[in-house]
Amino acid sequence: MSDSDSAPKASKLKESFRALLSAVSSGRGLATLLVFGCAVALFYSLDWVWLRTLQVETLAALLGAFGHSVLVQGLELKTGAAWVTITPECTYIDWILCASPFLWRFEKSLGANLSRLALLAAAVSAVNLIRTLVPILVSAKGGSWFWAHDFVDYLLWYPGLAGVILFWVFALVRAEQSKPRKEVHAG
């Protein structure tokens, strides 16, 4: 590869980096980051008992449907060898709240955005029920909680949120690059 081949690539990379910085520091980018910070603060400011109770009751019903006897005590349930406490993180409300600002589209209507977020919450909640049910079933039979729950959680939570943020960054950069350029005429 010659220097003449790498010069256009370096120039394109610099242009993409400038577009990224411009997009993230734009009003939309800063608003999204501000709402993200508020979402994190909201998650940690509430105990989410109503949502945790809903999850315990749903899991107990599903376990019962699979023929397991279930003992429910508040936000805990026991079946077989598994004794599980449902924490706020078990509901994935933190993931939903953290991802939501990055999925908001300013060019869409309020209704379209709320529909998008409702779909996100429903999809994440459905996946999360399976994510919590399977480890309980595995653990009830004496299986490893780490492999059935923690490992899967790490595979879903962090890469999933990173993917949503990358999707947001690419959308911002595309929007920034598609803006009409101001023409500068030499003297």
Foldseek 3Di string as FASTA:
>chain_A
DDPVVVVVVVVVVVVLVVLLVCLCPDPLNVVLVVQLVVLQVVLVVDFCQVLLVVLVVVLCVVCVVVVWHWDDDRSWIDTAQDIDGRGSVLQVSSLLSNLLSLQADPVDDPVVSVVVSVVVSVVVRVVSSVLVNQLNVQVNVVHDSCVSHVVVCVVCRVVVSVVSNVVSSVVSSVVSVPDDDDDDDDD
